[in-house]
Each structure stands twice: as structure tokens, then as C-alpha cells.
Amino acid sequence: MEKIPSAEILSKSVKITVLNKLGKTIDEFDMRAGTNLWVFLRKRGLPIGAACSGVGVCGACHVKVISSDMNSISEKNDFEKETLIKNQKSEKERLACLCRVFSDIKIQADYW
């Protein structure tokens, strides 16, 4: 069961830095802590996989999260782990549709 973050954490803004596959910053924006990463990326207009409409089945929205703090994002649940394995993604990758952000992160994807 996922830990629910404190109201203090959820009331702050977090910075998301988007890197292309070469590691160059292509976008940077703030979003409310606790927001679903996939939903926010779509609202931002960034191309992000969505074959399953964001329910974690297809694995198309995989991104690499670059952060030194493991509490920056929600924990992977078993379903997400299975989808990543099934789609041959690395352990460092996350499904944006199943990921909530709690502090500043950088994300990278090979399709940006």
C-alpha cells in the first residue's frame, strides 16, 4: 500500500526538467506536488505514449526518472513492475501514468 504524503508536501510546487535522449533540457516547468506525471505531461503538450489511455498496461509512457531522492516520486507497485518487465524496460524507468511526483525531478525518454 502506497504511503500518503503529508498535506505540507502536497501543498508545494515541484520543478520538472525534461531531457531529450541526449540529455539536453528541452522543457522545464512547475507542477503541484502529488500530481500524476502522465496527466501533467499531456496537459503540457509533450508527446507521451498513451496506447492504454494511462492505465499502466501498454508501457508506452515509460520515462527514466533522474533523481537522487527516492522519495521524489511514488513507489512502484507490483503491477507497474510487471508491466515494465513485460515491456523489457530497465529498473530505472517508470510508467508516467502510474507515477506521482513529490519533489523536483528530471525525466528523460528516448522518444523526445
PDB file of N, CA and C in Angstrom:
ATOM      1  N   MET A   1       0.843  -1.180   0.000  1.00  0.00           N
ATOM      2  CA  MET A   1       0.000   0.000   0.000  1.00  0.00           C
ATOM      3  C   MET A   1       0.887   1.241   0.000  1.00  0.00           C
ATOM      4  N   GLU A   2       0.566   2.179  -0.845  1.00  0.00           N
ATOM      5  CA  GLU A   2       1.361   3.392  -1.003  1.00  0.00           C
ATOM      6  C   GLU A   2       1.135   4.337   0.170  1.00  0.00           C
ATOM      7  N   LYS A   3       2.242   4.936   0.648  1.00  0.00           N
ATOM      8  CA  LYS A   3       2.154   5.926   1.718  1.00  0.00           C
ATOM      9  C   LYS A   3       1.530   7.199   1.167  1.00  0.00           C
ATOM     10  N   ILE A   4       0.669   7.795   1.951  1.00  0.00           N
ATOM     11  CA  ILE A   4       0.043   9.061   1.557  1.00  0.00           C
ATOM     12  C   ILE A   4       0.934  10.190   2.058  1.00  0.00           C
ATOM     13  N   PRO A   5       1.366  11.078   1.164  1.00  0.00           N
ATOM     14  CA  PRO A   5       2.226  12.185   1.579  1.00  0.00           C
ATOM     15  C   PRO A   5       1.486  13.179   2.468  1.00  0.00           C
ATOM     16  N   SER A   6       2.236  13.918   3.255  1.00  0.00           N
ATOM     17  CA  SER A   6       1.645  14.908   4.153  1.00  0.00           C
ATOM     18  C   SER A   6       1.027  16.058   3.361  1.00  0.00           C
ATOM     19  N   ALA A   7       0.131  16.782   4.016  1.00  0.00           N
ATOM     20  CA  ALA A   7      -0.506  17.947   3.396  1.00  0.00           C
ATOM     21  C   ALA A   7       0.545  18.999   3.053  1.00  0.00           C
ATOM     22  N   GLU A   8       1.595  19.079   3.856  1.00  0.00           N
ATOM     23  CA  GLU A   8       2.672  20.046   3.589  1.00  0.00           C
ATOM     24  C   GLU A   8       3.352  19.745   2.256  1.00  0.00           C
ATOM     25  N   ILE A   9       3.632  18.483   1.988  1.00  0.00           N
ATOM     26  CA  ILE A   9       4.261  18.089   0.723  1.00  0.00           C
ATOM     27  C   ILE A   9       3.321  18.372  -0.444  1.00  0.00           C
ATOM     28  N   LEU A  10       2.061  18.010  -0.291  1.00  0.00           N
ATOM     29  CA  LEU A  10       1.095  18.170  -1.384  1.00  0.00           C
ATOM     30  C   LEU A  10       0.745  19.625  -1.685  1.00  0.00           C
ATOM     31  N   SER A  11       1.052  20.522  -0.776  1.00  0.00           N
ATOM     32  CA  SER A  11       0.721  21.928  -0.997  1.00  0.00           C
ATOM     33  C   SER A  11       1.821  22.688  -1.741  1.00  0.00           C
ATOM     34  N   LYS A  12       2.949  22.045  -1.994  1.00  0.00           N
ATOM     35  CA  LYS A  12       4.041  22.763  -2.645  1.00  0.00           C
ATOM     36  C   LYS A  12       4.086  22.507  -4.150  1.00  0.00           C
ATOM     37  N   SER A  13       4.908  23.287  -4.809  1.00  0.00           N
ATOM     38  CA  SER A  13       5.124  23.157  -6.242  1.00  0.00           C
ATOM     39  C   SER A  13       6.459  22.449  -6.459  1.00  0.00           C
ATOM     40  N   VAL A  14       6.521  21.595  -7.474  1.00  0.00           N
ATOM     41  CA  VAL A  14       7.761  20.895  -7.793  1.00  0.00           C
ATOM     42  C   VAL A  14       8.194  21.235  -9.212  1.00  0.00           C
ATOM     43  N   LYS A  15       9.486  21.164  -9.441  1.00  0.00           N
ATOM     44  CA  LYS A  15      10.049  21.502 -10.750  1.00  0.00           C
ATOM     45  C   LYS A  15      10.350  20.216 -11.518  1.00  0.00           C
ATOM     46  N   ILE A  16       9.860  20.151 -12.744  1.00  0.00           N
ATOM     47  CA  ILE A  16      10.122  19.026 -13.629  1.00  0.00           C
ATOM     48  C   ILE A  16      11.004  19.527 -14.764  1.00  0.00           C
ATOM     49  N   THR A  17      12.135  18.862 -14.942  1.00  0.00           N
ATOM     50  CA  THR A  17      13.039  19.177 -16.050  1.00  0.00           C
ATOM     51  C   THR A  17      12.974  18.012 -17.023  1.00  0.00           C
ATOM     52  N   VAL A  18      12.668  18.296 -18.278  1.00  0.00           N
ATOM     53  CA  VAL A  18      12.516  17.261 -19.302  1.00  0.00           C
ATOM     54  C   VAL A  18      13.771  17.272 -20.175  1.00  0.00           C
ATOM     55  N   LEU A  19      14.407  16.110 -20.273  1.00  0.00           N
ATOM     56  CA  LEU A  19      15.616  15.957 -21.073  1.00  0.00           C
ATOM     57  C   LEU A  19      15.334  15.088 -22.291  1.00  0.00           C
ATOM     58  N   ASN A  20      15.977  15.416 -23.416  1.00  0.00           N
ATOM     59  CA  ASN A  20      15.858  14.536 -24.582  1.00  0.00           C
ATOM     60  C   ASN A  20      16.811  13.348 -24.414  1.00  0.00           C
ATOM     61  N   LYS A  21      16.860  12.473 -25.384  1.00  0.00           N
ATOM     62  CA  LYS A  21      17.670  11.261 -25.261  1.00  0.00           C
ATOM     63  C   LYS A  21      19.163  11.550 -25.168  1.00  0.00           C
ATOM     64  N   LEU A  22      19.581  12.750 -25.579  1.00  0.00           N
ATOM     65  CA  LEU A  22      20.986  13.141 -25.492  1.00  0.00           C
ATOM     66  C   LEU A  22      21.316  13.831 -24.168  1.00  0.00           C
ATOM     67  N   GLY A  23      20.300  14.035 -23.328  1.00  0.00           N
ATOM     68  CA  GLY A  23      20.499  14.666 -22.032  1.00  0.00           C
ATOM     69  C   GLY A  23      20.372  16.173 -22.037  1.00  0.00           C
ATOM     70  N   LYS A  24      19.916  16.744 -23.154  1.00  0.00           N
ATOM     71  CA  LYS A  24      19.740  18.189 -23.267  1.00  0.00           C
ATOM     72  C   LYS A  24      18.350  18.581 -22.760  1.00  0.00           C
ATOM     73  N   THR A  25      18.276  19.648 -21.971  1.00  0.00           N
ATOM     74  CA  THR A  25      16.997  20.135 -21.462  1.00  0.00           C
ATOM     75  C   THR A  25      16.149  20.665 -22.612  1.00  0.00           C
ATOM     76  N   ILE A  26      14.921  20.134 -22.724  1.00  0.00           N
ATOM     77  CA  ILE A  26      14.011  20.600 -23.770  1.00  0.00           C
ATOM     78  C   ILE A  26      12.792  21.323 -23.193  1.00  0.00           C
ATOM     79  N   ASP A  27      12.555  21.152 -21.899  1.00  0.00           N
ATOM     80  CA  ASP A  27      11.440  21.841 -21.254  1.00  0.00           C
ATOM     81  C   ASP A  27      11.675  21.816 -19.748  1.00  0.00           C
ATOM     82  N   GLU A  28      11.096  22.803 -19.092  1.00  0.00           N
ATOM     83  CA  GLU A  28      11.180  22.882 -17.645  1.00  0.00           C
ATOM     84  C   GLU A  28       9.908  23.563 -17.170  1.00  0.00           C
ATOM     85  N   PHE A  29       9.269  23.006 -16.168  1.00  0.00           N
ATOM     86  CA  PHE A  29       8.015  23.570 -15.702  1.00  0.00           C
ATOM     87  C   PHE A  29       7.755  23.170 -14.263  1.00  0.00           C
ATOM     88  N   ASP A  30       6.835  23.870 -13.644  1.00  0.00           N
ATOM     89  CA  ASP A  30       6.412  23.552 -12.280  1.00  0.00           C
ATOM     90  C   ASP A  30       5.050  22.896 -12.324  1.00  0.00           C
ATOM     91  N   MET A  31       4.839  21.996 -11.384  1.00  0.00           N
ATOM     92  CA  MET A  31       3.525  21.390 -11.229  1.00  0.00           C
ATOM     93  C   MET A  31       3.276  21.177  -9.748  1.00  0.00           C
ATOM     94  N   ARG A  32       2.059  20.945  -9.391  1.00  0.00           N
ATOM     95  CA  ARG A  32       1.701  20.734  -7.990  1.00  0.00           C
ATOM     96  C   ARG A  32       2.201  19.367  -7.543  1.00  0.00           C
ATOM     97  N   ALA A  33       2.817  19.317  -6.372  1.00  0.00           N
ATOM     98  CA  ALA A  33       3.293  18.047  -5.824  1.00  0.00           C
ATOM     99  C   ALA A  33       2.123  17.073  -5.684  1.00  0.00           C
ATOM    100  N   GLY A  34       2.382  15.814  -6.004  1.00  0.00           N
ATOM    101  CA  GLY A  34       1.360  14.775  -5.915  1.00  0.00           C
ATOM    102  C   GLY A  34       0.604  14.544  -7.204  1.00  0.00           C
ATOM    103  N   THR A  35       0.859  15.384  -8.212  1.00  0.00           N
ATOM    104  CA  THR A  35       0.171  15.265  -9.495  1.00  0.00           C
ATOM    105  C   THR A  35       0.691  14.055 -10.270  1.00  0.00           C
ATOM    106  N   ASN A  36      -0.198  13.435 -11.010  1.00  0.00           N
ATOM    107  CA  ASN A  36       0.173  12.324 -11.874  1.00  0.00           C
ATOM    108  C   ASN A  36       1.019  12.869 -13.025  1.00  0.00           C
ATOM    109  N   LEU A  37       2.201  12.295 -13.218  1.00  0.00           N
ATOM    110  CA  LEU A  37       3.144  12.795 -14.205  1.00  0.00           C
ATOM    111  C   LEU A  37       2.594  12.706 -15.627  1.00  0.00           C
ATOM    112  N   TRP A  38       1.973  11.595 -15.981  1.00  0.00           N
ATOM    113  CA  TRP A  38       1.445  11.400 -17.336  1.00  0.00           C
ATOM    114  C   TRP A  38       0.371  12.435 -17.672  1.00  0.00           C
ATOM    115  N   VAL A  39      -0.547  12.675 -16.749  1.00  0.00           N
ATOM    116  CA  VAL A  39      -1.618  13.645 -16.972  1.00  0.00           C
ATOM    117  C   VAL A  39      -1.023  15.029 -17.198  1.00  0.00           C
ATOM    118  N   PHE A  40      -0.054  15.390 -16.374  1.00  0.00           N
ATOM    119  CA  PHE A  40       0.527  16.723 -16.496  1.00  0.00           C
ATOM    120  C   PHE A  40       1.314  16.871 -17.792  1.00  0.00           C
ATOM    121  N   LEU A  41       2.075  15.850 -18.190  1.00  0.00           N
ATOM    122  CA  LEU A  41       2.834  15.928 -19.442  1.00  0.00           C
ATOM    123  C   LEU A  41       1.896  16.106 -20.635  1.00  0.00           C
ATOM    124  N   ARG A  42       0.775  15.407 -20.623  1.00  0.00           N
ATOM    125  CA  ARG A  42      -0.197  15.543 -21.712  1.00  0.00           C
ATOM    126  C   ARG A  42      -0.793  16.951 -21.737  1.00  0.00           C
ATOM    127  N   LYS A  43      -1.130  17.467 -20.548  1.00  0.00           N
ATOM    128  CA  LYS A  43      -1.670  18.828 -20.484  1.00  0.00           C
ATOM    129  C   LYS A  43      -0.635  19.850 -20.938  1.00  0.00           C
ATOM    130  N   ARG A  44       0.622  19.553 -20.701  1.00  0.00           N
ATOM    131  CA  ARG A  44       1.713  20.437 -21.093  1.00  0.00           C
ATOM    132  C   ARG A  44       1.931  20.408 -22.612  1.00  0.00           C
ATOM    133  N   GLY A  45       1.397  19.370 -23.282  1.00  0.00           N
ATOM    134  CA  GLY A  45       1.522  19.249 -24.722  1.00  0.00           C
ATOM    135  C   GLY A  45       2.736  18.457 -25.174  1.00  0.00           C
ATOM    136  N   LEU A  46       3.401  17.789 -24.237  1.00  0.00           N
ATOM    137  CA  LEU A  46       4.544  16.964 -24.611  1.00  0.00           C
ATOM    138  C   LEU A  46       4.069  15.612 -25.132  1.00  0.00           C
ATOM    139  N   PRO A  47       4.726  15.081 -26.150  1.00  0.00           N
ATOM    140  CA  PRO A  47       4.330  13.760 -26.644  1.00  0.00           C
ATOM    141  C   PRO A  47       4.677  12.694 -25.616  1.00  0.00           C
ATOM    142  N   ILE A  48       3.689  11.923 -25.251  1.00  0.00           N
ATOM    143  CA  ILE A  48       3.882  10.847 -24.274  1.00  0.00           C
ATOM    144  C   ILE A  48       2.977   9.694 -24.676  1.00  0.00           C
ATOM    145  N   GLY A  49       3.491   8.473 -24.617  1.00  0.00           N
ATOM    146  CA  GLY A  49       2.731   7.295 -25.018  1.00  0.00           C
ATOM    147  C   GLY A  49       1.414   7.177 -24.284  1.00  0.00           C
ATOM    148  N   ALA A  50       0.412   6.661 -24.988  1.00  0.00           N
ATOM    149  CA  ALA A  50      -0.922   6.580 -24.385  1.00  0.00           C
ATOM    150  C   ALA A  50      -1.780   5.497 -25.014  1.00  0.00           C
ATOM    151  N   ALA A  51      -1.205   4.400 -25.448  1.00  0.00           N
ATOM    152  CA  ALA A  51      -1.987   3.354 -26.118  1.00  0.00           C
ATOM    153  C   ALA A  51      -3.070   2.767 -25.218  1.00  0.00           C
ATOM    154  N   CYS A  52      -2.858   2.785 -23.895  1.00  0.00           N
ATOM    155  CA  CYS A  52      -3.845   2.216 -22.973  1.00  0.00           C
ATOM    156  C   CYS A  52      -4.631   3.296 -22.230  1.00  0.00           C
ATOM    157  N   SER A  53      -4.506   4.534 -22.671  1.00  0.00           N
ATOM    158  CA  SER A  53      -5.182   5.683 -22.049  1.00  0.00           C
ATOM    159  C   SER A  53      -4.753   5.922 -20.606  1.00  0.00           C
ATOM    160  N   GLY A  54      -3.528   5.549 -20.283  1.00  0.00           N
ATOM    161  CA  GLY A  54      -2.964   5.868 -18.979  1.00  0.00           C
ATOM    162  C   GLY A  54      -3.342   4.962 -17.833  1.00  0.00           C
ATOM    163  N   VAL A  55      -3.560   3.682 -18.118  1.00  0.00           N
ATOM    164  CA  VAL A  55      -3.894   2.750 -17.036  1.00  0.00           C
ATOM    165  C   VAL A  55      -2.758   1.784 -16.712  1.00  0.00           C
ATOM    166  N   GLY A  56      -1.590   1.964 -17.342  1.00  0.00           N
ATOM    167  CA  GLY A  56      -0.412   1.182 -16.983  1.00  0.00           C
ATOM    168  C   GLY A  56      -0.271  -0.163 -17.654  1.00  0.00           C
ATOM    169  N   VAL A  57      -0.989  -0.409 -18.731  1.00  0.00           N
ATOM    170  CA  VAL A  57      -0.945  -1.719 -19.379  1.00  0.00           C
ATOM    171  C   VAL A  57       0.072  -1.771 -20.523  1.00  0.00           C
ATOM    172  N   CYS A  58       0.145  -0.715 -21.323  1.00  0.00           N
ATOM    173  CA  CYS A  58       0.949  -0.778 -22.553  1.00  0.00           C
ATOM    174  C   CYS A  58       2.439  -0.501 -22.343  1.00  0.00           C
ATOM    175  N   GLY A  59       2.790   0.288 -21.351  1.00  0.00           N
ATOM    176  CA  GLY A  59       4.193   0.626 -21.118  1.00  0.00           C
ATOM    177  C   GLY A  59       4.732   1.701 -22.032  1.00  0.00           C
ATOM    178  N   ALA A  60       3.896   2.299 -22.873  1.00  0.00           N
ATOM    179  CA  ALA A  60       4.357   3.286 -23.849  1.00  0.00           C
ATOM    180  C   ALA A  60       4.800   4.604 -23.211  1.00  0.00           C
ATOM    181  N   CYS A  61       4.370   4.880 -22.008  1.00  0.00           N
ATOM    182  CA  CYS A  61       4.692   6.156 -21.366  1.00  0.00           C
ATOM    183  C   CYS A  61       5.926   6.056 -20.466  1.00  0.00           C
ATOM    184  N   HIS A  62       6.764   5.085 -20.723  1.00  0.00           N
ATOM    185  CA  HIS A  62       7.945   4.892 -19.876  1.00  0.00           C
ATOM    186  C   HIS A  62       8.903   6.070 -19.971  1.00  0.00           C
ATOM    187  N   VAL A  63       9.397   6.506 -18.823  1.00  0.00           N
ATOM    188  CA  VAL A  63      10.383   7.576 -18.746  1.00  0.00           C
ATOM    189  C   VAL A  63      11.432   7.176 -17.723  1.00  0.00           C
ATOM    190  N   LYS A  64      12.622   7.694 -17.897  1.00  0.00           N
ATOM    191  CA  LYS A  64      13.684   7.490 -16.922  1.00  0.00           C
ATOM    192  C   LYS A  64      13.640   8.673 -15.961  1.00  0.00           C
ATOM    193  N   VAL A  65      13.519   8.386 -14.682  1.00  0.00           N
ATOM    194  CA  VAL A  65      13.480   9.434 -13.671  1.00  0.00           C
ATOM    195  C   VAL A  65      14.875   9.577 -13.091  1.00  0.00           C
ATOM    196  N   ILE A  66      15.402  10.788 -13.203  1.00  0.00           N
ATOM    197  CA  ILE A  66      16.744  11.068 -12.700  1.00  0.00           C
ATOM    198  C   ILE A  66      16.574  11.898 -11.434  1.00  0.00           C
ATOM    199  N   SER A  67      16.859  11.282 -10.302  1.00  0.00           N
ATOM    200  CA  SER A  67      16.692  11.950  -9.018  1.00  0.00           C
ATOM    201  C   SER A  67      17.577  11.264  -7.996  1.00  0.00           C
ATOM    202  N   SER A  68      18.091  12.024  -7.069  1.00  0.00           N
ATOM    203  CA  SER A  68      18.920  11.432  -6.031  1.00  0.00           C
ATOM    204  C   SER A  68      18.099  11.050  -4.806  1.00  0.00           C
ATOM    205  N   ASP A  69      16.859  11.483  -4.760  1.00  0.00           N
ATOM    206  CA  ASP A  69      15.992  11.240  -3.616  1.00  0.00           C
ATOM    207  C   ASP A  69      14.894  10.253  -3.998  1.00  0.00           C
ATOM    208  N   MET A  70      14.906   9.092  -3.376  1.00  0.00           N
ATOM    209  CA  MET A  70      13.910   8.056  -3.692  1.00  0.00           C
ATOM    210  C   MET A  70      12.496   8.477  -3.291  1.00  0.00           C
ATOM    211  N   ASN A  71      12.359   9.501  -2.450  1.00  0.00           N
ATOM    212  CA  ASN A  71      11.035   9.976  -2.040  1.00  0.00           C
ATOM    213  C   ASN A  71      10.483  11.026  -2.992  1.00  0.00           C
ATOM    214  N   SER A  72      11.201  11.293  -4.092  1.00  0.00           N
ATOM    215  CA  SER A  72      10.764  12.296  -5.066  1.00  0.00           C
ATOM    216  C   SER A  72       9.516  11.858  -5.818  1.00  0.00           C
ATOM    217  N   ILE A  73       9.338  10.553  -5.939  1.00  0.00           N
ATOM    218  CA  ILE A  73       8.216  10.014  -6.703  1.00  0.00           C
ATOM    219  C   ILE A  73       7.552   8.885  -5.930  1.00  0.00           C
ATOM    220  N   SER A  74       6.350   8.548  -6.333  1.00  0.00           N
ATOM    221  CA  SER A  74       5.630   7.449  -5.690  1.00  0.00           C
ATOM    222  C   SER A  74       6.375   6.132  -5.903  1.00  0.00           C
ATOM    223  N   GLU A  75       6.137   5.197  -5.027  1.00  0.00           N
ATOM    224  CA  GLU A  75       6.770   3.882  -5.136  1.00  0.00           C
ATOM    225  C   GLU A  75       6.138   3.084  -6.274  1.00  0.00           C
ATOM    226  N   LYS A  76       6.939   2.216  -6.878  1.00  0.00           N
ATOM    227  CA  LYS A  76       6.399   1.311  -7.902  1.00  0.00           C
ATOM    228  C   LYS A  76       5.548   0.255  -7.206  1.00  0.00           C
ATOM    229  N   ASN A  77       4.375   0.012  -7.762  1.00  0.00           N
ATOM    230  CA  ASN A  77       3.587  -1.107  -7.253  1.00  0.00           C
ATOM    231  C   ASN A  77       3.899  -2.344  -8.091  1.00  0.00           C
ATOM    232  N   ASP A  78       3.403  -3.490  -7.684  1.00  0.00           N
ATOM    233  CA  ASP A  78       3.690  -4.744  -8.389  1.00  0.00           C
ATOM    234  C   ASP A  78       3.210  -4.711  -9.838  1.00  0.00           C
ATOM    235  N   PHE A  79       2.064  -4.093 -10.078  1.00  0.00           N
ATOM    236  CA  PHE A  79       1.520  -4.015 -11.431  1.00  0.00           C
ATOM    237  C   PHE A  79       2.480  -3.260 -12.347  1.00  0.00           C
ATOM    238  N   GLU A  80       2.996  -2.125 -11.873  1.00  0.00           N
ATOM    239  CA  GLU A  80       3.935  -1.346 -12.671  1.00  0.00           C
ATOM    240  C   GLU A  80       5.216  -2.145 -12.926  1.00  0.00           C
ATOM    241  N   LYS A  81       5.716  -2.806 -11.906  1.00  0.00           N
ATOM    242  CA  LYS A  81       6.929  -3.617 -12.066  1.00  0.00           C
ATOM    243  C   LYS A  81       6.730  -4.694 -13.136  1.00  0.00           C
ATOM    244  N   GLU A  82       5.589  -5.357 -13.103  1.00  0.00           N
ATOM    245  CA  GLU A  82       5.286  -6.396 -14.088  1.00  0.00           C
ATOM    246  C   GLU A  82       5.196  -5.819 -15.504  1.00  0.00           C
ATOM    247  N   THR A  83       4.545  -4.665 -15.653  1.00  0.00           N
ATOM    248  CA  THR A  83       4.423  -4.034 -16.972  1.00  0.00           C
ATOM    249  C   THR A  83       5.787  -3.641 -17.513  1.00  0.00           C
ATOM    250  N   LEU A  84       6.650  -3.105 -16.667  1.00  0.00           N
ATOM    251  CA  LEU A  84       7.996  -2.723 -17.101  1.00  0.00           C
ATOM    252  C   LEU A  84       8.798  -3.947 -17.536  1.00  0.00           C
ATOM    253  N   ILE A  85       8.705  -5.022 -16.775  1.00  0.00           N
ATOM    254  CA  ILE A  85       9.420  -6.260 -17.129  1.00  0.00           C
ATOM    255  C   ILE A  85       8.888  -6.813 -18.444  1.00  0.00           C
ATOM    256  N   LYS A  86       7.568  -6.867 -18.570  1.00  0.00           N
ATOM    257  CA  LYS A  86       6.923  -7.384 -19.782  1.00  0.00           C
ATOM    258  C   LYS A  86       7.352  -6.602 -21.018  1.00  0.00           C
ATOM    259  N   ASN A  87       7.576  -5.304 -20.850  1.00  0.00           N
ATOM    260  CA  ASN A  87       7.960  -4.441 -21.967  1.00  0.00           C
ATOM    261  C   ASN A  87       9.471  -4.225 -22.048  1.00  0.00           C
ATOM    262  N   GLN A  88      10.220  -5.025 -21.325  1.00  0.00           N
ATOM    263  CA  GLN A  88      11.695  -5.019 -21.353  1.00  0.00           C
ATOM    264  C   GLN A  88      12.274  -3.638 -21.071  1.00  0.00           C
ATOM    265  N   LYS A  89      11.754  -2.973 -20.048  1.00  0.00           N
ATOM    266  CA  LYS A  89      12.250  -1.662 -19.632  1.00  0.00           C
ATOM    267  C   LYS A  89      13.166  -1.848 -18.427  1.00  0.00           C
ATOM    268  N   SER A  90      14.087  -0.910 -18.254  1.00  0.00           N
ATOM    269  CA  SER A  90      15.049  -1.019 -17.156  1.00  0.00           C
ATOM    270  C   SER A  90      14.389  -0.703 -15.814  1.00  0.00           C
ATOM    271  N   GLU A  91      15.052  -1.096 -14.754  1.00  0.00           N
ATOM    272  CA  GLU A  91      14.537  -0.870 -13.405  1.00  0.00           C
ATOM    273  C   GLU A  91      14.509   0.621 -13.059  1.00  0.00           C
ATOM    274  N   LYS A  92      15.317   1.424 -13.761  1.00  0.00           N
ATOM    275  CA  LYS A  92      15.355   2.864 -13.513  1.00  0.00           C
ATOM    276  C   LYS A  92      14.196   3.593 -14.175  1.00  0.00           C
ATOM    277  N   GLU A  93      13.446   2.914 -15.019  1.00  0.00           N
ATOM    278  CA  GLU A  93      12.343   3.557 -15.725  1.00  0.00           C
ATOM    279  C   GLU A  93      11.054   3.451 -14.921  1.00  0.00           C
ATOM    280  N   ARG A  94      10.161   4.378 -15.215  1.00  0.00           N
ATOM    281  CA  ARG A  94       8.845   4.410 -14.587  1.00  0.00           C
ATOM    282  C   ARG A  94       7.791   4.593 -15.665  1.00  0.00           C
ATOM    283  N   LEU A  95       6.584   4.196 -15.349  1.00  0.00           N
ATOM    284  CA  LEU A  95       5.439   4.484 -16.207  1.00  0.00           C
ATOM    285  C   LEU A  95       4.876   5.814 -15.722  1.00  0.00           C
ATOM    286  N   ALA A  96       4.898   6.817 -16.582  1.00  0.00           N
ATOM    287  CA  ALA A  96       4.444   8.149 -16.182  1.00  0.00           C
ATOM    288  C   ALA A  96       3.001   8.111 -15.697  1.00  0.00           C
ATOM    289  N   CYS A  97       2.195   7.218 -16.267  1.00  0.00           N
ATOM    290  CA  CYS A  97       0.777   7.154 -15.895  1.00  0.00           C
ATOM    291  C   CYS A  97       0.551   6.616 -14.482  1.00  0.00           C
ATOM    292  N   LEU A  98       1.551   5.950 -13.916  1.00  0.00           N
ATOM    293  CA  LEU A  98       1.417   5.393 -12.571  1.00  0.00           C
ATOM    294  C   LEU A  98       2.347   6.081 -11.585  1.00  0.00           C
ATOM    295  N   CYS A  99       2.849   7.238 -11.949  1.00  0.00           N
ATOM    296  CA  CYS A  99       3.870   7.931 -11.163  1.00  0.00           C
ATOM    297  C   CYS A  99       3.355   9.286 -10.680  1.00  0.00           C
ATOM    298  N   ARG A 100       3.455   9.510  -9.395  1.00  0.00           N
ATOM    299  CA  ARG A 100       3.139  10.805  -8.813  1.00  0.00           C
ATOM    300  C   ARG A 100       4.441  11.445  -8.329  1.00  0.00           C
ATOM    301  N   VAL A 101       4.563  12.749  -8.493  1.00  0.00           N
ATOM    302  CA  VAL A 101       5.807  13.456  -8.201  1.00  0.00           C
ATOM    303  C   VAL A 101       5.642  14.280  -6.929  1.00  0.00           C
ATOM    304  N   PHE A 102       6.614  14.147  -5.996  1.00  0.00           N
ATOM    305  CA  PHE A 102       6.540  14.841  -4.713  1.00  0.00           C
ATOM    306  C   PHE A 102       7.642  15.869  -4.504  1.00  0.00           C
ATOM    307  N   SER A 103       8.697  15.822  -5.296  1.00  0.00           N
ATOM    308  CA  SER A 103       9.738  16.852  -5.236  1.00  0.00           C
ATOM    309  C   SER A 103      10.417  16.945  -6.596  1.00  0.00           C
ATOM    310  N   ASP A 104      11.295  17.915  -6.757  1.00  0.00           N
ATOM    311  CA  ASP A 104      11.920  18.202  -8.052  1.00  0.00           C
ATOM    312  C   ASP A 104      12.575  16.969  -8.665  1.00  0.00           C
ATOM    313  N   ILE A 105      12.350  16.772  -9.959  1.00  0.00           N
ATOM    314  CA  ILE A 105      12.962  15.655 -10.679  1.00  0.00           C
ATOM    315  C   ILE A 105      13.352  16.093 -12.089  1.00  0.00           C
ATOM    316  N   LYS A 106      14.174  15.262 -12.688  1.00  0.00           N
ATOM    317  CA  LYS A 106      14.469  15.356 -14.115  1.00  0.00           C
ATOM    318  C   LYS A 106      13.980  14.056 -14.719  1.00  0.00           C
ATOM    319  N   ILE A 107      13.377  14.155 -15.903  1.00  0.00           N
ATOM    320  CA  ILE A 107      12.927  12.953 -16.596  1.00  0.00           C
ATOM    321  C   ILE A 107      13.510  12.953 -18.000  1.00  0.00           C
ATOM    322  N   GLN A 108      13.715  11.752 -18.507  1.00  0.00           N
ATOM    323  CA  GLN A 108      14.318  11.590 -19.832  1.00  0.00           C
ATOM    324  C   GLN A 108      13.612  10.436 -20.521  1.00  0.00           C
ATOM    325  N   ALA A 109      13.442  10.580 -21.837  1.00  0.00           N
ATOM    326  CA  ALA A 109      12.855   9.496 -22.617  1.00  0.00           C
ATOM    327  C   ALA A 109      13.549   9.434 -23.962  1.00  0.00           C
ATOM    328  N   ASP A 110      13.647   8.244 -24.507  1.00  0.00           N
ATOM    329  CA  ASP A 110      14.334   8.076 -25.797  1.00  0.00           C
ATOM    330  C   ASP A 110      13.495   8.549 -26.976  1.00  0.00           C
ATOM    331  N   TYR A 111      12.246   8.923 -26.746  1.00  0.00           N
ATOM    332  CA  TYR A 111      11.397   9.389 -27.845  1.00  0.00           C
ATOM    333  C   TYR A 111      11.245  10.917 -27.865  1.00  0.00           C
ATOM    334  N   TRP A 112      11.972  11.650 -27.007  1.00  0.00           N
ATOM    335  CA  TRP A 112      11.976  13.109 -27.052  1.00  0.00           C
ATOM    336  C   TRP A 112      13.228  13.576 -27.728  1.00  0.00           C
TER     337      TRP A 112
END
